């Protein structure tokens, strides 16, 4: 017997299969990378963090490459008879995935670092405007809406400044409309002396109560508008959710504050109205003295009138104190957030 002299069949090419395997591995790496490096930003700011992140990426790449290579080798390469190239195939897949993952991570990190820097710029600009507002007279406060930050953080800055500017402008319009109604001029003694039956004074106070109700509702509308704009910002899901959670956590307390402030405003108008009704009931039994005070014939009526005006002063002081406290707390929160974002940007 002579040995078979026929040559062995030439292995079929596995190049196309290798290319497909590399593409599959890269797509898997792209999809899995965000989960693989979650928390990596924090790790990079600690000693040895770079090695930890590199280990995460290489370890994940090794697993992904091995799985894809096993499928390639046992399903295609062995059937094609090209088993001698199995090791080279694995190294090609692994090298491609590691290189791609590291490059993608560096791109993501660069974008994250830039976002952190722009966030620091945005919050510094917002805290500056809040500080100006709380240190200015309410009637003269102005918000500079020039946007300093870039990208999505610039949109965040614009949204926060718009909300601040709306609050300032709404207060100034409320005060202007109140004055246009004739309050408080029409309830001053000199005006009341020329107002038969106090018709104009009482009508003005009725209009003032309606104005309070309208601006009370506007405050709730402004909160909803601000939240809708924050929700529309093109942020990463985690950042987006954190932003809205932070906003929503403040809503109940801020709503209580607004309600208390407008309740006080309504009560103050009510006290002035009650005082005017005392004057109307006792019309003809009091007179304006020196254009500034009232002289009553009946001591009881005088005490009732003075009690309403004293209560008005007390409510006004209470409101001013609450506003000052709220302003200080709001400024503190914004400044703390600005410092935190600045520290985060600096640490990257």
Protein backbone atom coordinates (compact mmCIF):
# COMPACT_ATOMS: atom_id res chain seq x y z
CA UNK A 1 0.00 0.00 0.00
CA UNK A 2 1.21 3.47 -0.88
CA UNK A 3 0.30 6.60 1.22
CA UNK A 4 -2.37 8.94 -0.14
CA UNK A 5 -0.47 11.55 -2.11
CA UNK A 6 -3.46 13.84 -2.47
CA UNK A 7 -2.82 17.33 -0.93
CA UNK A 8 -4.90 18.44 2.05
CA UNK A 9 -7.71 20.89 1.21
CA UNK A 10 -6.64 24.50 1.50
CA UNK A 11 -8.32 26.28 4.49
CA UNK A 12 -11.07 28.66 3.45
CA UNK A 13 -10.60 32.36 4.17
CA UNK A 14 -12.00 33.62 7.47
CA UNK A 15 -11.29 37.32 6.86
CA UNK A 16 -14.93 38.28 6.41
CA UNK A 17 -15.92 36.35 9.53
CA UNK A 18 -13.13 38.08 11.47
CA UNK A 19 -14.31 41.50 10.33
CA UNK A 20 -17.86 40.69 11.40
CA UNK A 21 -16.58 39.46 14.77
CA UNK A 22 -14.59 42.65 15.34
CA UNK A 23 -17.62 44.77 14.47
CA UNK A 24 -19.82 42.76 16.87
CA UNK A 25 -17.24 43.13 19.65
CA UNK A 26 -16.96 46.87 19.08
CA UNK A 27 -20.73 47.34 19.14
CA UNK A 28 -20.93 45.32 22.37
CA UNK A 29 -18.17 47.48 23.86
CA UNK A 30 -19.98 50.66 22.80
CA UNK A 31 -23.23 49.55 24.42
CA UNK A 32 -21.60 48.24 27.60
CA UNK A 33 -19.03 50.99 28.19
CA UNK A 34 -21.32 53.47 30.06
CA UNK A 35 -22.16 50.76 32.60
CA UNK A 36 -18.55 49.60 32.80
CA UNK A 37 -17.16 53.05 33.65
CA UNK A 38 -20.02 54.30 35.83
CA UNK A 39 -18.32 55.95 38.77
CA UNK A 40 -15.01 56.12 36.92
CA UNK A 41 -15.02 59.92 36.99
CA UNK A 42 -14.98 59.85 40.78
CA UNK A 43 -12.28 57.16 40.80
CA UNK A 44 -9.99 59.23 38.58
CA UNK A 45 -9.91 61.95 41.25
CA UNK A 46 -8.46 59.53 43.82
CA UNK A 47 -4.87 58.18 44.07
CA UNK A 48 -4.45 55.15 41.82
CA UNK A 49 -7.76 55.84 40.15
CA UNK A 50 -6.29 55.80 36.66
CA UNK A 51 -5.07 52.22 37.09
CA UNK A 52 -8.47 51.18 38.45
CA UNK A 53 -10.29 52.62 35.42
CA UNK A 54 -7.77 51.05 33.02
CA UNK A 55 -8.33 47.70 34.73
CA UNK A 56 -12.10 48.07 34.35
CA UNK A 57 -11.82 48.74 30.64
CA UNK A 58 -9.24 46.04 29.90
CA UNK A 59 -11.13 43.48 32.00
CA UNK A 60 -14.43 44.18 30.27
CA UNK A 61 -12.70 44.17 26.87
CA UNK A 62 -11.09 40.82 27.63
CA UNK A 63 -14.43 39.23 28.49
CA UNK A 64 -16.17 40.68 25.44
CA UNK A 65 -13.34 39.67 23.10
CA UNK A 66 -13.13 36.14 24.51
CA UNK A 67 -16.86 35.52 24.10
CA UNK A 68 -16.90 36.82 20.53
CA UNK A 69 -13.73 34.90 19.66
CA UNK A 70 -15.12 31.62 21.03
CA UNK A 71 -18.19 31.99 18.83
CA UNK A 72 -16.00 32.87 15.84
CA UNK A 73 -13.59 29.98 16.43
CA UNK A 74 -15.99 27.13 17.13
CA UNK A 75 -18.79 28.17 14.78
CA UNK A 76 -16.78 29.34 11.76
CA UNK A 77 -12.98 28.98 11.95
CA UNK A 78 -12.90 25.27 12.80
CA UNK A 79 -15.37 24.49 10.05
CA UNK A 80 -13.28 26.46 7.58
CA UNK A 81 -10.14 24.57 8.62
CA UNK A 82 -8.24 27.75 9.51
CA UNK A 83 -7.51 26.75 13.12
CA UNK A 84 -3.92 27.92 12.94
CA UNK A 85 -5.04 31.52 12.97
CA UNK A 86 -7.23 31.28 16.07
CA UNK A 87 -4.71 33.01 18.36
CA UNK A 88 -4.14 35.82 15.88
CA UNK A 89 -7.90 36.31 15.55
CA UNK A 90 -8.24 36.65 19.33
CA UNK A 91 -5.42 39.21 19.56
CA UNK A 92 -6.93 41.25 16.70
CA UNK A 93 -10.35 41.28 18.38
CA UNK A 94 -8.90 42.11 21.81
CA UNK A 95 -6.65 44.86 20.49
CA UNK A 96 -9.51 46.43 18.56
CA UNK A 97 -11.88 46.40 21.54
CA UNK A 98 -9.31 47.73 24.04
CA UNK A 99 -8.20 50.51 21.70
CA UNK A 100 -11.78 51.47 20.86
CA UNK A 101 -12.92 51.40 24.51
CA UNK A 102 -10.02 53.51 25.73
CA UNK A 103 -10.50 56.03 22.95
CA UNK A 104 -14.23 56.22 23.61
CA UNK A 105 -13.65 56.60 27.36
CA UNK A 106 -11.23 59.48 26.77
CA UNK A 107 -13.78 61.18 24.52
CA UNK A 108 -16.53 60.73 27.14
CA UNK A 109 -14.23 61.95 29.92
CA UNK A 110 -13.19 65.01 27.93
CA UNK A 111 -16.85 65.85 27.34
CA UNK A 112 -17.66 65.28 31.00
CA UNK A 113 -14.76 67.46 32.15
CA UNK A 114 -15.81 70.23 29.79
CA UNK A 115 -19.41 69.98 31.02
CA UNK A 116 -18.18 70.24 34.62
CA UNK A 117 -16.20 73.38 33.79
CA UNK A 118 -19.16 74.96 32.03
CA UNK A 119 -21.44 74.00 34.96
CA UNK A 120 -19.08 75.90 37.28
CA UNK A 121 -19.26 78.94 35.01
CA UNK A 122 -23.07 78.71 34.83
CA UNK A 123 -23.62 78.39 38.59
CA UNK A 124 -21.15 81.20 39.35
CA UNK A 125 -23.09 83.46 36.98
CA UNK A 126 -26.44 82.48 38.52
CA UNK A 127 -25.21 82.97 42.10
CA UNK A 128 -23.91 86.41 41.13
CA UNK A 129 -27.34 87.46 39.89
CA UNK A 130 -29.16 86.01 42.93
CA UNK A 131 -26.74 87.89 45.19
CA UNK A 132 -27.48 91.13 43.31
CA UNK A 133 -31.23 90.59 43.57
CA UNK A 134 -31.32 89.90 47.32
CA UNK A 135 -29.05 92.85 48.06
CA UNK A 136 -31.05 95.31 45.94
CA UNK A 137 -34.29 97.12 46.63
CA UNK A 138 -37.10 94.96 45.17
CA UNK A 139 -38.39 97.79 43.00
CA UNK A 140 -34.98 98.40 41.38
CA UNK A 141 -33.49 94.89 41.12
CA UNK A 142 -32.38 93.87 37.62
CA UNK A 143 -31.18 90.46 36.42
CA UNK A 144 -28.43 90.31 33.80
CA UNK A 145 -29.55 87.49 31.51
CA UNK A 146 -26.31 87.36 29.51
CA UNK A 147 -25.27 83.70 29.23
CA UNK A 148 -21.63 82.98 30.09
CA UNK A 149 -21.53 79.18 29.93
CA UNK A 150 -21.48 77.19 26.69
CA UNK A 151 -23.44 74.22 25.46
CA UNK A 152 -26.12 72.58 27.55
CA UNK A 153 -24.81 74.28 30.71
CA UNK A 154 -25.41 77.58 28.94
CA UNK A 155 -29.02 76.49 28.43
CA UNK A 156 -29.23 75.63 32.13
CA UNK A 157 -27.81 79.03 33.07
CA UNK A 158 -30.30 80.78 30.79
CA UNK A 159 -33.21 78.82 32.31
CA UNK A 160 -32.21 79.61 35.91
CA UNK A 161 -31.60 83.28 35.11
CA UNK A 162 -34.93 83.48 33.32
CA UNK A 163 -36.70 82.06 36.37
CA UNK A 164 -34.95 84.59 38.60
CA UNK A 165 -35.73 87.46 36.23
CA UNK A 166 -39.39 86.40 36.00
CA UNK A 167 -39.71 86.44 39.79
CA UNK A 168 -38.21 89.92 40.00
CA UNK A 169 -40.29 91.27 37.10
CA UNK A 170 -43.53 89.75 38.44
CA UNK A 171 -43.02 91.44 41.82
CA UNK A 172 -42.27 94.78 40.18
CA UNK A 173 -45.35 94.51 37.95
CA UNK A 174 -47.51 93.61 40.94
CA UNK A 175 -46.34 96.68 42.84
CA UNK A 176 -46.80 98.87 39.75
CA UNK A 177 -50.34 97.58 39.16
CA UNK A 178 -51.18 98.05 42.82
CA UNK A 179 -50.08 101.66 42.63
CA UNK A 180 -51.99 102.14 39.40
CA UNK A 181 -55.13 101.05 41.25
CA UNK A 182 -54.51 103.88 43.70
CA UNK A 183 -53.17 101.83 46.60
CA UNK A 184 -52.07 103.03 49.09
CA UNK A 185 -52.76 106.66 48.09
CA UNK A 186 -56.56 106.30 48.11
CA UNK A 187 -56.63 105.03 51.68
CA UNK A 188 -54.46 107.83 53.05
CA UNK A 189 -56.27 110.40 55.26
CA UNK A 190 -55.94 113.27 52.76
CA UNK A 191 -57.61 111.21 50.00
CA UNK A 192 -60.24 109.70 52.31
CA UNK A 193 -61.34 113.19 53.39
CA UNK A 194 -62.35 113.88 49.77
CA UNK A 195 -63.94 110.45 49.18
CA UNK A 196 -67.67 110.49 50.07
CA UNK A 197 -68.75 107.22 51.67
CA UNK A 198 -65.22 105.96 50.94
CA UNK A 199 -66.46 104.59 47.63
CA UNK A 200 -63.14 104.93 45.80
CA UNK A 201 -61.09 103.57 48.71
CA UNK A 202 -63.24 100.46 49.10
CA UNK A 203 -63.33 99.84 45.33
CA UNK A 204 -59.54 100.10 45.21
CA UNK A 205 -59.21 97.58 48.02
CA UNK A 206 -61.54 95.15 46.21
CA UNK A 207 -59.40 95.45 43.08
CA UNK A 208 -56.28 94.94 45.19
CA UNK A 209 -57.62 91.64 46.53
CA UNK A 210 -58.28 90.43 42.99
CA UNK A 211 -54.75 91.45 42.05
CA UNK A 212 -53.33 89.43 44.94
CA UNK A 213 -55.26 86.36 43.76
CA UNK A 214 -53.99 86.76 40.19
CA UNK A 215 -50.34 87.08 41.14
CA UNK A 216 -50.64 84.26 43.65
CA UNK A 217 -51.63 81.97 40.77
CA UNK A 218 -48.87 83.37 38.56
CA UNK A 219 -46.26 82.14 41.06
CA UNK A 220 -47.44 78.54 40.62
CA UNK A 221 -47.42 78.99 36.85
CA UNK A 222 -43.81 80.21 36.91
CA UNK A 223 -42.70 77.12 38.85
CA UNK A 224 -44.34 74.82 36.28
CA UNK A 225 -42.72 76.78 33.42
CA UNK A 226 -39.26 76.52 34.98
CA UNK A 227 -39.61 72.77 35.56
CA UNK A 228 -40.76 72.18 31.99
CA UNK A 229 -37.69 74.01 30.64
CA UNK A 230 -35.34 72.09 32.93
CA UNK A 231 -36.97 68.82 31.85
CA UNK A 232 -36.34 69.74 28.21
CA UNK A 233 -32.58 70.23 28.65
CA UNK A 234 -30.57 67.67 26.59
CA UNK A 235 -28.69 66.19 29.55
CA UNK A 236 -27.53 62.63 30.16
CA UNK A 237 -30.26 60.57 31.81
CA UNK A 238 -28.55 60.43 35.21
CA UNK A 239 -27.84 64.18 35.23
CA UNK A 240 -31.34 64.94 33.96
CA UNK A 241 -32.97 62.85 36.69
CA UNK A 242 -30.73 64.34 39.40
CA UNK A 243 -31.56 67.87 38.27
CA UNK A 244 -35.30 67.28 38.39
CA UNK A 245 -35.08 65.47 41.74
CA UNK A 246 -33.26 68.47 43.17
CA UNK A 247 -35.83 70.86 41.73
CA UNK A 248 -38.79 68.79 42.90
CA UNK A 249 -37.35 68.47 46.41
CA UNK A 250 -37.62 72.26 46.79
CA UNK A 251 -41.12 72.62 45.36
CA UNK A 252 -43.19 71.80 48.50
CA UNK A 253 -41.20 74.15 50.75
CA UNK A 254 -41.18 76.95 48.18
CA UNK A 255 -44.92 76.47 47.63
CA UNK A 256 -45.53 76.83 51.38
CA UNK A 257 -43.43 79.98 51.43
CA UNK A 258 -45.31 81.54 48.52
CA UNK A 259 -48.64 80.65 50.10
CA UNK A 260 -47.66 82.20 53.42
CA UNK A 261 -46.39 85.36 51.73
CA UNK A 262 -49.54 85.82 49.65
CA UNK A 263 -51.74 84.96 52.65
CA UNK A 264 -50.00 87.79 54.50
CA UNK A 265 -50.46 90.11 51.55
CA UNK A 266 -54.16 89.27 51.38
CA UNK A 267 -54.50 89.72 55.14
CA UNK A 268 -52.84 93.15 54.98
CA UNK A 269 -55.26 94.32 52.32
CA UNK A 270 -58.06 92.88 54.47
CA UNK A 271 -56.93 94.87 57.54
CA UNK A 272 -56.87 98.11 55.57
CA UNK A 273 -60.31 97.30 54.15
CA UNK A 274 -61.63 96.61 57.67
CA UNK A 275 -60.21 99.95 58.85
CA UNK A 276 -61.90 101.75 55.95
CA UNK A 277 -65.23 100.13 56.84
CA UNK A 278 -64.88 101.47 60.38
CA UNK A 279 -64.54 104.93 58.86
CA UNK A 280 -67.56 104.32 56.63
CA UNK A 281 -69.76 103.15 59.54
CA UNK A 282 -68.80 106.17 61.62
CA UNK A 283 -68.85 108.66 58.76
CA UNK A 284 -69.61 112.16 60.08
CA UNK A 285 -68.15 111.29 63.50
CA UNK A 286 -64.48 111.63 62.65
CA UNK A 287 -62.33 114.13 60.80
CA UNK A 288 -58.90 114.23 59.24
CA UNK A 289 -56.44 116.22 61.30
CA UNK A 290 -53.52 117.84 59.57
CA UNK A 291 -54.05 115.65 56.51
CA UNK A 292 -52.30 112.76 58.27
CA UNK A 293 -54.38 111.38 61.14
CA UNK A 294 -58.00 110.77 62.13
CA UNK A 295 -59.79 112.33 65.07
CA UNK A 296 -62.71 110.17 66.28
CA UNK A 297 -65.62 111.31 68.41
CA UNK A 298 -66.04 107.76 69.73
CA UNK A 299 -63.12 106.13 71.57
CA UNK A 300 -64.30 102.62 70.71
CA UNK A 301 -64.31 103.32 66.99
CA UNK A 302 -60.86 104.85 67.29
CA UNK A 303 -59.53 101.76 69.09
CA UNK A 304 -61.04 99.44 66.49
CA UNK A 305 -59.57 101.47 63.64
CA UNK A 306 -56.15 101.66 65.28
CA UNK A 307 -56.24 97.93 65.98
CA UNK A 308 -56.67 97.15 62.29
CA UNK A 309 -53.83 99.49 61.31
CA UNK A 310 -51.59 98.08 64.03
CA UNK A 311 -52.29 94.59 62.77
CA UNK A 312 -51.41 95.77 59.26
CA UNK A 313 -48.01 96.96 60.52
CA UNK A 314 -47.41 93.66 62.31
CA UNK A 315 -48.24 91.64 59.21
CA UNK A 316 -46.00 93.86 57.10
CA UNK A 317 -43.06 93.32 59.45
CA UNK A 318 -43.71 89.58 59.54
CA UNK A 319 -43.75 89.45 55.76
CA UNK A 320 -40.53 91.45 55.47
CA UNK A 321 -38.80 89.17 57.97
CA UNK A 322 -39.91 86.03 56.13
CA UNK A 323 -38.73 87.45 52.82
CA UNK A 324 -35.32 88.38 54.22
CA UNK A 325 -34.88 84.89 55.70
CA UNK A 326 -35.98 83.23 52.47
CA UNK A 327 -33.60 85.40 50.43
CA UNK A 328 -30.66 84.53 52.69
CA UNK A 329 -31.42 80.79 52.51
CA UNK A 330 -31.85 80.88 48.72
CA UNK A 331 -28.56 82.72 48.29
CA UNK A 332 -26.79 80.25 50.57
CA UNK A 333 -28.09 77.27 48.58
CA UNK A 334 -27.06 78.78 45.26
CA UNK A 335 -23.61 79.76 46.51
CA UNK A 336 -23.02 76.31 48.00
CA UNK A 337 -24.00 74.73 44.67
CA UNK A 338 -21.68 77.13 42.84
CA UNK A 339 -18.78 76.20 45.15
CA UNK A 340 -19.48 72.49 44.72
CA UNK A 341 -19.51 72.70 40.92
CA UNK A 342 -16.34 74.79 40.96
CA UNK A 343 -14.59 72.23 43.19
CA UNK A 344 -15.76 69.40 40.94
CA UNK A 345 -14.42 71.15 37.82
CA UNK A 346 -11.11 71.92 39.52
CA UNK A 347 -10.66 68.32 40.66
CA UNK A 348 -10.93 66.88 37.17
